N, C-alpha and C. Protein backbone atom coordinates (compact mmCIF):
# COMPACT_ATOMS: atom_id res chain seq x y z
N MET A 1 -72.43 67.90 -32.61
CA MET A 1 -71.80 66.66 -32.44
C MET A 1 -70.50 66.61 -33.37
N LYS A 2 -70.47 67.54 -34.32
CA LYS A 2 -69.32 67.62 -35.23
C LYS A 2 -68.02 67.79 -34.46
N LYS A 3 -68.02 68.69 -33.49
CA LYS A 3 -66.86 68.89 -32.66
C LYS A 3 -66.50 67.69 -31.89
N ALA A 4 -67.52 66.94 -31.43
CA ALA A 4 -67.25 65.72 -30.63
C ALA A 4 -66.51 64.69 -31.46
N ILE A 5 -66.89 64.52 -32.70
CA ILE A 5 -66.25 63.59 -33.55
C ILE A 5 -64.81 64.06 -33.83
N LEU A 6 -64.63 65.28 -34.06
CA LEU A 6 -63.21 65.81 -34.23
C LEU A 6 -62.42 65.65 -32.92
N GLY A 7 -63.09 65.86 -31.81
CA GLY A 7 -62.41 65.68 -30.51
C GLY A 7 -61.98 64.21 -30.30
N VAL A 8 -62.88 63.39 -30.78
CA VAL A 8 -62.57 61.91 -30.68
C VAL A 8 -61.33 61.63 -31.53
N ALA A 9 -61.27 62.24 -32.66
CA ALA A 9 -60.12 62.02 -33.57
C ALA A 9 -58.78 62.49 -32.93
N ALA A 10 -58.90 63.37 -32.08
CA ALA A 10 -57.62 63.89 -31.38
C ALA A 10 -57.05 62.82 -30.51
N LEU A 11 -57.80 61.90 -30.08
CA LEU A 11 -57.16 60.85 -29.26
C LEU A 11 -56.35 59.95 -30.10
N THR A 12 -55.13 59.73 -29.58
CA THR A 12 -54.23 58.85 -30.33
C THR A 12 -54.78 57.41 -30.33
N LEU A 13 -54.40 56.67 -31.41
CA LEU A 13 -54.95 55.31 -31.55
C LEU A 13 -53.93 54.26 -31.31
N ALA A 14 -54.02 52.59 -31.81
CA ALA A 14 -53.06 51.52 -31.99
C ALA A 14 -53.11 50.09 -32.01
N VAL A 15 -52.07 46.33 -30.88
CA VAL A 15 -51.47 45.30 -31.59
C VAL A 15 -51.41 44.17 -30.59
N ILE A 16 -52.07 43.21 -30.90
CA ILE A 16 -52.03 42.03 -29.94
C ILE A 16 -50.63 41.55 -29.92
N ALA A 17 -50.05 41.59 -28.77
CA ALA A 17 -48.69 41.10 -28.63
C ALA A 17 -48.75 39.91 -27.76
N ALA A 18 -48.41 38.82 -28.26
CA ALA A 18 -48.42 37.62 -27.45
C ALA A 18 -46.97 37.11 -27.38
N PRO A 19 -46.37 37.25 -26.16
CA PRO A 19 -45.03 36.73 -26.09
C PRO A 19 -45.07 35.24 -26.18
N SER A 20 -44.24 34.70 -27.06
CA SER A 20 -44.13 33.30 -27.18
C SER A 20 -42.64 32.84 -27.01
N PHE A 21 -42.49 31.62 -26.75
CA PHE A 21 -41.11 31.14 -26.56
C PHE A 21 -40.82 30.02 -27.54
N ALA A 22 -40.02 30.34 -28.51
CA ALA A 22 -39.59 29.36 -29.53
C ALA A 22 -38.10 29.20 -29.39
N ASP A 23 -37.67 27.95 -29.23
CA ASP A 23 -36.21 27.77 -29.06
C ASP A 23 -35.69 28.53 -27.85
N GLU A 24 -36.56 28.63 -26.80
CA GLU A 24 -36.18 29.36 -25.56
C GLU A 24 -35.85 30.86 -25.77
N GLU A 25 -36.33 31.46 -26.85
CA GLU A 25 -36.16 32.88 -27.08
C GLU A 25 -37.54 33.54 -27.24
N MET A 26 -37.71 34.61 -26.56
CA MET A 26 -38.99 35.30 -26.59
C MET A 26 -39.15 36.02 -27.92
N THR A 27 -40.33 35.86 -28.47
CA THR A 27 -40.73 36.53 -29.76
C THR A 27 -41.95 37.36 -29.50
N CYS A 28 -41.85 38.61 -29.78
CA CYS A 28 -43.03 39.50 -29.66
C CYS A 28 -43.72 39.62 -31.05
N ARG A 29 -45.01 39.46 -31.07
CA ARG A 29 -45.71 39.42 -32.39
C ARG A 29 -46.69 40.65 -32.37
N LEU A 30 -46.55 41.42 -33.45
CA LEU A 30 -47.43 42.52 -33.67
C LEU A 30 -48.53 42.11 -34.60
N GLN A 31 -49.76 42.07 -34.09
CA GLN A 31 -50.87 41.62 -34.86
C GLN A 31 -51.43 42.83 -35.63
N PRO A 32 -52.25 42.49 -36.73
CA PRO A 32 -52.77 43.59 -37.52
C PRO A 32 -53.68 44.56 -36.66
N ALA A 33 -53.65 45.77 -37.06
CA ALA A 33 -54.41 46.83 -36.34
C ALA A 33 -55.94 46.71 -36.84
N PRO A 34 -56.79 47.33 -36.02
CA PRO A 34 -58.22 47.44 -36.55
C PRO A 34 -58.24 48.22 -37.81
N THR A 35 -59.22 47.91 -38.61
CA THR A 35 -59.42 48.69 -39.84
C THR A 35 -60.30 49.87 -39.59
N VAL A 36 -59.85 51.04 -40.08
CA VAL A 36 -60.67 52.24 -39.90
C VAL A 36 -61.35 52.53 -41.25
N PRO A 37 -62.64 52.76 -41.24
CA PRO A 37 -63.29 53.04 -42.51
C PRO A 37 -62.97 54.31 -43.08
N ALA A 38 -63.19 54.61 -44.34
CA ALA A 38 -63.02 55.92 -44.91
C ALA A 38 -63.87 56.97 -44.37
N THR A 39 -64.96 56.61 -43.92
CA THR A 39 -65.99 57.59 -43.23
C THR A 39 -66.83 56.76 -42.22
N PHE A 40 -67.61 57.42 -41.51
CA PHE A 40 -68.52 56.76 -40.55
C PHE A 40 -69.92 56.77 -41.02
N GLU A 41 -70.67 55.78 -40.65
CA GLU A 41 -72.11 55.73 -40.96
C GLU A 41 -72.93 56.67 -40.18
N SER A 42 -72.46 56.88 -38.91
CA SER A 42 -73.17 57.69 -38.00
C SER A 42 -72.24 58.17 -36.85
N GLU A 43 -72.66 59.08 -36.03
CA GLU A 43 -71.83 59.45 -34.83
C GLU A 43 -71.59 58.29 -33.95
N GLU A 44 -72.65 57.43 -33.77
CA GLU A 44 -72.50 56.23 -33.01
C GLU A 44 -71.40 55.25 -33.54
N HIS A 45 -71.36 55.17 -34.83
CA HIS A 45 -70.34 54.34 -35.50
C HIS A 45 -68.94 54.95 -35.24
N ALA A 46 -68.83 56.25 -35.31
CA ALA A 46 -67.58 56.88 -35.01
C ALA A 46 -67.08 56.57 -33.57
N VAL A 47 -68.01 56.64 -32.64
CA VAL A 47 -67.62 56.30 -31.27
C VAL A 47 -67.31 54.83 -31.12
N GLU A 48 -68.00 53.90 -31.85
CA GLU A 48 -67.67 52.48 -31.81
C GLU A 48 -66.28 52.24 -32.37
N VAL A 49 -65.92 52.84 -33.45
CA VAL A 49 -64.57 52.79 -34.06
C VAL A 49 -63.51 53.31 -33.15
N ARG A 50 -63.78 54.40 -32.57
CA ARG A 50 -62.91 55.03 -31.54
C ARG A 50 -62.62 54.08 -30.44
N ASN A 51 -63.66 53.44 -29.91
CA ASN A 51 -63.58 52.57 -28.74
C ASN A 51 -62.73 51.38 -29.13
N THR A 52 -62.91 50.84 -30.31
CA THR A 52 -62.14 49.69 -30.78
C THR A 52 -60.70 50.04 -30.85
N ILE A 53 -60.37 51.19 -31.36
CA ILE A 53 -58.99 51.63 -31.50
C ILE A 53 -58.38 51.86 -30.15
N VAL A 54 -59.12 52.49 -29.26
CA VAL A 54 -58.56 52.73 -27.87
C VAL A 54 -58.34 51.43 -27.14
N ASP A 55 -59.23 50.49 -27.29
CA ASP A 55 -59.07 49.19 -26.70
C ASP A 55 -57.83 48.48 -27.25
N TYR A 56 -57.63 48.58 -28.54
CA TYR A 56 -56.43 48.07 -29.18
C TYR A 56 -55.18 48.67 -28.70
N GLN A 57 -55.17 50.02 -28.53
CA GLN A 57 -54.05 50.71 -28.06
C GLN A 57 -53.68 50.32 -26.58
N THR A 58 -54.71 50.32 -25.71
CA THR A 58 -54.49 50.14 -24.29
C THR A 58 -54.32 48.63 -23.98
N GLY A 59 -54.64 47.79 -24.88
CA GLY A 59 -54.49 46.34 -24.69
C GLY A 59 -53.39 45.79 -25.49
N ALA A 60 -53.63 45.59 -26.82
CA ALA A 60 -52.70 44.86 -27.57
C ALA A 60 -51.36 45.67 -27.84
N MET A 61 -51.49 46.95 -28.12
CA MET A 61 -50.27 47.78 -28.34
C MET A 61 -49.46 47.84 -27.03
N LYS A 62 -50.08 48.04 -26.00
CA LYS A 62 -49.39 48.09 -24.67
C LYS A 62 -48.69 46.81 -24.44
N ASP A 63 -49.37 45.63 -24.67
CA ASP A 63 -48.82 44.35 -24.41
C ASP A 63 -47.59 44.10 -25.35
N TYR A 64 -47.65 44.57 -26.58
CA TYR A 64 -46.57 44.43 -27.52
C TYR A 64 -45.32 45.12 -27.07
N ARG A 65 -45.52 46.33 -26.63
CA ARG A 65 -44.41 47.19 -26.15
C ARG A 65 -43.83 46.61 -24.86
N GLU A 66 -44.67 46.10 -24.00
CA GLU A 66 -44.17 45.47 -22.82
C GLU A 66 -43.34 44.19 -23.09
N CYS A 67 -43.87 43.48 -24.12
CA CYS A 67 -43.06 42.31 -24.61
C CYS A 67 -41.69 42.66 -25.09
N LEU A 68 -41.60 43.76 -25.84
CA LEU A 68 -40.31 44.22 -26.36
C LEU A 68 -39.42 44.61 -25.17
N ALA A 69 -39.89 45.32 -24.19
CA ALA A 69 -39.19 45.65 -23.00
C ALA A 69 -38.71 44.45 -22.22
N ALA A 70 -39.57 43.44 -22.14
CA ALA A 70 -39.24 42.18 -21.41
C ALA A 70 -38.16 41.51 -22.14
N LYS A 71 -38.18 41.45 -23.49
CA LYS A 71 -37.11 40.86 -24.29
C LYS A 71 -35.79 41.55 -24.02
N GLU A 72 -35.86 42.91 -24.04
CA GLU A 72 -34.59 43.62 -23.76
C GLU A 72 -34.06 43.26 -22.41
N ARG A 73 -34.91 43.18 -21.45
CA ARG A 73 -34.43 42.80 -20.06
C ARG A 73 -33.88 41.41 -20.03
N MET A 74 -34.60 40.51 -20.80
CA MET A 74 -34.09 39.09 -20.89
C MET A 74 -32.72 39.01 -21.47
N LEU A 75 -32.45 39.87 -22.50
CA LEU A 75 -31.09 39.86 -23.09
C LEU A 75 -30.07 40.44 -22.22
N GLY A 76 -30.52 41.40 -21.40
CA GLY A 76 -29.59 42.01 -20.44
C GLY A 76 -28.33 42.64 -20.97
N GLU A 77 -27.27 42.53 -20.28
CA GLU A 77 -26.04 43.16 -20.79
C GLU A 77 -25.46 42.45 -21.93
N ASP A 78 -25.89 41.31 -22.25
CA ASP A 78 -25.46 40.54 -23.38
C ASP A 78 -26.02 41.04 -24.71
N ILE A 79 -26.95 41.99 -24.67
CA ILE A 79 -27.58 42.49 -25.87
C ILE A 79 -26.60 42.97 -26.87
N SER A 80 -26.69 42.57 -28.16
CA SER A 80 -25.79 43.00 -29.18
C SER A 80 -26.33 44.30 -29.75
N PRO A 81 -25.52 45.07 -30.43
CA PRO A 81 -26.04 46.31 -31.03
C PRO A 81 -27.11 46.03 -32.07
N GLU A 82 -26.94 44.88 -32.75
CA GLU A 82 -27.97 44.53 -33.70
C GLU A 82 -29.32 44.20 -33.05
N GLN A 83 -29.23 43.50 -31.93
CA GLN A 83 -30.47 43.14 -31.16
C GLN A 83 -31.13 44.43 -30.67
N LYS A 84 -30.30 45.30 -30.10
CA LYS A 84 -30.84 46.56 -29.58
C LYS A 84 -31.54 47.40 -30.69
N LYS A 85 -30.89 47.45 -31.84
CA LYS A 85 -31.45 48.20 -32.98
C LYS A 85 -32.75 47.50 -33.41
N ALA A 86 -32.81 46.18 -33.47
CA ALA A 86 -34.07 45.44 -33.86
C ALA A 86 -35.19 45.79 -32.89
N LEU A 87 -34.93 45.90 -31.58
CA LEU A 87 -35.94 46.21 -30.61
C LEU A 87 -36.42 47.63 -30.74
N VAL A 88 -35.44 48.54 -30.99
CA VAL A 88 -35.78 49.97 -31.12
C VAL A 88 -36.62 50.13 -32.43
N ASP A 89 -36.22 49.43 -33.49
CA ASP A 89 -36.93 49.54 -34.76
C ASP A 89 -38.38 48.93 -34.60
N ALA A 90 -38.49 47.85 -33.86
CA ALA A 90 -39.84 47.29 -33.63
C ALA A 90 -40.67 48.24 -32.82
N TYR A 91 -40.16 48.82 -31.82
CA TYR A 91 -40.90 49.86 -31.05
C TYR A 91 -41.35 51.05 -31.89
N ASN A 92 -40.40 51.55 -32.67
CA ASN A 92 -40.70 52.62 -33.55
C ASN A 92 -41.75 52.29 -34.60
N ALA A 93 -41.76 51.08 -35.13
CA ALA A 93 -42.81 50.74 -36.04
C ALA A 93 -44.14 50.64 -35.41
N SER A 94 -44.18 50.32 -34.09
CA SER A 94 -45.47 50.35 -33.40
C SER A 94 -45.97 51.80 -33.19
N VAL A 95 -45.06 52.72 -33.02
CA VAL A 95 -45.43 54.17 -32.93
C VAL A 95 -45.93 54.63 -34.26
N ASP A 96 -45.25 54.21 -35.40
CA ASP A 96 -45.68 54.63 -36.69
C ASP A 96 -47.09 54.11 -36.97
N LEU A 97 -47.38 52.80 -36.55
CA LEU A 97 -48.74 52.26 -36.76
C LEU A 97 -49.74 53.05 -35.96
N GLU A 98 -49.39 53.45 -34.79
CA GLU A 98 -50.31 54.19 -33.89
C GLU A 98 -50.59 55.56 -34.61
N GLU A 99 -49.64 56.15 -35.11
CA GLU A 99 -49.88 57.42 -35.87
C GLU A 99 -50.68 57.22 -37.09
N GLU A 100 -50.52 56.14 -37.82
CA GLU A 100 -51.26 55.86 -39.03
C GLU A 100 -52.73 55.66 -38.62
N LEU A 101 -52.98 54.98 -37.52
CA LEU A 101 -54.38 54.81 -37.04
C LEU A 101 -55.00 56.13 -36.73
N ALA A 102 -54.29 57.00 -36.05
CA ALA A 102 -54.81 58.29 -35.69
C ALA A 102 -55.11 59.13 -36.95
N ALA A 103 -54.23 59.06 -37.91
CA ALA A 103 -54.51 59.81 -39.17
C ALA A 103 -55.66 59.27 -39.94
N SER A 104 -55.82 57.95 -39.95
CA SER A 104 -57.01 57.36 -40.65
C SER A 104 -58.24 57.70 -39.95
N PHE A 105 -58.26 57.73 -38.61
CA PHE A 105 -59.47 58.09 -37.87
C PHE A 105 -59.79 59.53 -38.15
N SER A 106 -58.81 60.39 -38.06
CA SER A 106 -59.04 61.84 -38.35
C SER A 106 -59.58 62.10 -39.71
N ALA A 107 -59.06 61.33 -40.70
CA ALA A 107 -59.62 61.45 -42.15
C ALA A 107 -61.05 61.02 -42.17
N ALA A 108 -61.35 59.93 -41.48
CA ALA A 108 -62.73 59.44 -41.52
C ALA A 108 -63.68 60.38 -40.81
N ALA A 109 -63.24 61.01 -39.72
CA ALA A 109 -64.04 61.99 -39.05
C ALA A 109 -64.28 63.22 -39.91
N LYS A 110 -63.21 63.62 -40.59
CA LYS A 110 -63.33 64.81 -41.55
C LYS A 110 -64.31 64.50 -42.66
N ALA A 111 -64.22 63.29 -43.24
CA ALA A 111 -65.13 62.96 -44.33
C ALA A 111 -66.58 62.87 -43.78
N TYR A 112 -66.79 62.32 -42.58
CA TYR A 112 -68.10 62.33 -42.06
C TYR A 112 -68.64 63.72 -41.83
N ASN A 113 -67.77 64.54 -41.23
CA ASN A 113 -68.24 65.92 -40.97
C ASN A 113 -68.57 66.71 -42.20
N GLU A 114 -67.77 66.47 -43.22
CA GLU A 114 -68.03 67.19 -44.56
C GLU A 114 -69.39 66.74 -45.16
N ALA A 115 -69.71 65.43 -44.97
CA ALA A 115 -70.94 64.88 -45.54
C ALA A 115 -72.14 65.20 -44.68
N HIS A 116 -71.91 65.58 -43.45
CA HIS A 116 -73.01 65.89 -42.50
C HIS A 116 -72.77 67.28 -41.86
N PRO A 117 -72.76 68.35 -42.61
CA PRO A 117 -72.54 69.67 -42.00
C PRO A 117 -73.71 70.09 -41.18
N ASP A 118 -73.47 70.51 -39.96
CA ASP A 118 -74.60 71.17 -39.16
C ASP A 118 -74.02 71.68 -37.90
């Protein structure tokens, strides 16, 4: 099962994005990511954490990125260089978060595997 946990770690991880309209302008909100423990209590716990992360990625993170794309479409040709940069920076920050989740999960899997060699 050690390889299974490491295989699970290879999956990339990731933000509730709720488009809201304040002053008639769309705001995309990046919510906190799930917490990844330093290690897992069991193989089942590893799978549970992985599923939480994947759900976050395919739900919240996807919604956030779609919100950013919708905002860019809403701004259209009138988008300023500053607005474009802000959207690109926001998207890149979401990618960084996703990579941090993957690294945290991999570290937890490694710690679990080292504590449970077999």
